Amino acid sequence: MKVAEHKRFRMIVKGKSMEPEVLENSNVVVESIAPTYVKIGDVVVFKVQNKAIIHRIIGIHNINGDLFFVEKGDNSPASSLFHQENLFGKISGAENKDIVAEYNRDFITTYLWLTYPLFKGFQIIRKLLSKKNQRLAEFIFEFFFGTWRFLSSIIKLRL
């Protein structure tokens, strides 16, 4: 398979080295990417002995102008090195048990869906309260802001 011919393709995951992030037998969407755009933390597909492997990038080395990537499966104890020529692409989404997760694209959407109602609710309550209830307004603000911080930390930990 030549990735240069395809900008985006799907493949079925065989193996458990990336669980629980990417489950065995799930469909993943792979987008071709230039090696210079790969960063630490990306989940990529690369070739080893004519087999496609899906692992996370944990290090990048530039040796005499060639990029070498250090990869490791999330559920795997060992890591290894591969050359930029063996890179197929980056995982941009996965379908695990009928749940589609677009890693990069859905982060902003999820973040906005969770935070916008909190801030909008605070604005409405603040308008309803008079100045004599300023302490109540501050309490409500702290509640909404604390909830927002909590949800933000959960989203960041998941991604």
Protein backbone atom coordinates (compact mmCIF):
# COMPACT_ATOMS: atom_id res chain seq x y z
CA MET A 1 0.00 0.00 0.00
CA LYS A 2 1.42 3.39 -0.97
CA VAL A 3 0.19 6.19 1.25
CA ALA A 4 1.26 8.84 -1.25
CA GLU A 5 -1.62 7.67 -3.44
CA HIS A 6 -4.15 8.05 -0.61
CA LYS A 7 -4.68 11.11 1.52
CA ARG A 8 -6.98 9.29 3.95
CA PHE A 9 -7.82 5.63 4.45
CA ARG A 10 -9.33 3.25 7.00
CA MET A 11 -7.87 0.12 8.49
CA ILE A 12 -8.91 -2.47 11.07
CA VAL A 13 -6.75 -2.77 14.19
CA LYS A 14 -5.26 -6.18 14.88
CA GLY A 15 -3.68 -6.55 18.31
CA LYS A 16 -4.09 -5.06 21.77
CA SER A 17 -0.92 -2.97 22.08
CA MET A 18 -2.84 0.34 22.04
CA GLU A 19 -5.71 -0.60 24.36
CA PRO A 20 -7.66 1.03 25.92
CA GLU A 21 -7.14 4.01 23.56
CA VAL A 22 -7.59 1.98 20.35
CA LEU A 23 -9.40 -1.34 20.73
CA GLU A 24 -8.68 -4.51 18.79
CA ASN A 25 -10.90 -4.93 15.68
CA SER A 26 -11.86 -1.25 15.68
CA ASN A 27 -11.74 0.83 12.51
CA VAL A 28 -9.25 3.69 12.47
CA VAL A 29 -8.97 6.59 10.07
CA VAL A 30 -5.39 7.21 8.94
CA GLU A 31 -4.38 10.47 7.27
CA SER A 32 -1.07 10.78 5.48
CA ILE A 33 1.24 13.28 7.15
CA ALA A 34 4.68 14.66 6.42
CA PRO A 35 7.22 13.34 8.95
CA THR A 36 8.12 16.89 9.97
CA TYR A 37 4.56 17.44 11.26
CA VAL A 38 4.55 14.41 13.57
CA LYS A 39 4.82 15.36 17.23
CA ILE A 40 5.26 13.51 20.49
CA GLY A 41 1.97 12.01 21.62
CA ASP A 42 0.62 11.40 18.11
CA VAL A 43 -0.74 7.92 17.36
CA VAL A 44 0.73 6.88 14.01
CA VAL A 45 0.80 3.96 11.59
CA PHE A 46 4.22 2.78 10.41
CA LYS A 47 5.73 -0.22 8.66
CA VAL A 48 7.90 -2.89 10.26
CA GLN A 49 8.81 -5.96 8.17
CA ASN A 50 5.88 -5.30 5.79
CA LYS A 51 3.37 -5.10 8.68
CA ALA A 52 1.43 -1.97 9.62
CA ILE A 53 1.85 -1.08 13.30
CA ILE A 54 -0.19 1.47 15.28
CA HIS A 55 1.70 3.01 18.21
CA ARG A 56 2.21 6.33 19.96
CA ILE A 57 5.24 8.56 19.31
CA ILE A 58 7.23 9.08 22.52
CA GLY A 59 10.38 10.63 21.03
CA ILE A 60 11.79 12.18 17.87
CA HIS A 61 15.46 12.27 16.83
CA ASN A 62 16.98 14.17 13.91
CA ILE A 63 20.12 12.34 12.82
CA ASN A 64 21.97 13.88 9.88
CA GLY A 65 18.73 15.37 8.52
CA ASP A 66 16.75 12.12 8.79
CA LEU A 67 13.96 11.80 11.33
CA PHE A 68 13.79 8.74 13.54
CA PHE A 69 10.74 8.21 15.72
CA VAL A 70 10.65 6.42 19.07
CA GLU A 71 7.34 4.56 19.34
CA LYS A 72 5.58 2.55 22.00
CA GLY A 73 2.19 0.91 22.33
CA ASP A 74 0.12 2.22 25.27
CA ASN A 75 -0.36 -1.37 26.46
CA SER A 76 3.14 -2.53 25.52
CA PRO A 77 6.27 -2.50 27.71
CA ALA A 78 8.85 -2.09 24.93
CA SER A 79 9.64 0.82 22.65
CA SER A 80 11.58 0.92 19.39
CA LEU A 81 12.89 3.27 16.72
CA PHE A 82 11.75 3.61 13.11
CA HIS A 83 12.86 5.77 10.17
CA GLN A 84 10.67 8.46 8.61
CA GLU A 85 10.40 6.44 5.37
CA ASN A 86 8.37 3.81 7.23
CA LEU A 87 5.68 6.28 8.33
CA PHE A 88 2.25 5.69 6.76
CA GLY A 89 0.27 8.38 8.54
CA LYS A 90 -1.38 9.66 11.69
CA ILE A 91 -4.55 8.28 13.29
CA SER A 92 -7.19 11.01 13.07
CA GLY A 93 -10.14 8.98 14.34
CA ALA A 94 -11.33 5.61 15.55
CA GLU A 95 -14.60 3.70 15.68
CA ASN A 96 -14.72 1.58 18.81
CA LYS A 97 -17.98 -0.34 19.24
CA ASP A 98 -20.05 2.10 17.17
CA ILE A 99 -18.65 5.14 18.97
CA VAL A 100 -16.74 7.46 16.67
CA ALA A 101 -13.97 9.52 18.21
CA GLU A 102 -12.31 12.10 16.03
CA TYR A 103 -9.33 12.89 18.25
CA ASN A 104 -8.26 16.25 16.95
CA ARG A 105 -11.51 17.63 15.58
CA ASP A 106 -13.90 16.74 18.38
CA PHE A 107 -11.84 18.23 21.19
CA ILE A 108 -12.91 21.81 20.49
CA THR A 109 -16.53 20.84 19.87
CA THR A 110 -16.74 18.84 23.11
CA TYR A 111 -15.03 21.60 25.05
CA LEU A 112 -17.49 24.22 23.78
CA TRP A 113 -20.54 22.03 24.38
CA LEU A 114 -19.48 21.53 28.00
CA THR A 115 -18.35 25.04 28.86
CA TYR A 116 -20.77 27.30 27.00
CA PRO A 117 -23.87 26.31 29.05
CA LEU A 118 -21.95 26.87 32.28
CA PHE A 119 -20.95 30.41 31.37
CA LYS A 120 -24.35 31.20 29.85
CA GLY A 121 -26.08 29.94 33.01
CA PHE A 122 -23.86 32.12 35.16
CA GLN A 123 -24.65 35.19 33.06
CA ILE A 124 -28.39 34.63 33.39
CA ILE A 125 -28.25 34.07 37.16
CA ARG A 126 -26.00 37.09 37.62
CA LYS A 127 -28.52 39.32 35.83
CA LEU A 128 -31.35 38.00 38.00
CA LEU A 129 -29.58 38.70 41.26
CA SER A 130 -29.54 42.18 42.69
CA LYS A 131 -26.51 43.89 44.21
CA LYS A 132 -27.62 42.99 47.74
CA ASN A 133 -27.19 39.32 46.80
CA GLN A 134 -23.63 39.82 45.59
CA ARG A 135 -22.29 37.08 47.88
CA LEU A 136 -24.75 34.60 46.39
CA ALA A 137 -23.72 35.68 42.91
CA GLU A 138 -20.05 35.12 43.81
CA PHE A 139 -20.87 31.68 45.22
CA ILE A 140 -22.72 30.73 42.04
CA PHE A 141 -19.82 32.03 39.93
CA GLU A 142 -17.35 29.91 41.91
CA PHE A 143 -19.61 26.87 41.48
CA PHE A 144 -19.85 27.31 37.71
CA PHE A 145 -16.16 28.16 37.34
CA GLY A 146 -15.15 25.18 39.51
CA THR A 147 -17.34 22.87 37.43
CA TRP A 148 -15.79 24.27 34.25
CA ARG A 149 -12.25 23.67 35.59
CA PHE A 150 -13.19 20.12 36.58
CA LEU A 151 -14.67 19.30 33.16
CA SER A 152 -11.70 20.90 31.42
CA SER A 153 -9.25 18.77 33.39
CA ILE A 154 -11.20 15.59 32.53
CA ILE A 155 -11.17 16.44 28.83
CA LYS A 156 -7.43 17.20 28.88
CA LEU A 157 -6.65 13.96 30.73
CA ARG A 158 -8.67 11.92 28.21
CA LEU A 159 -6.87 13.46 25.25
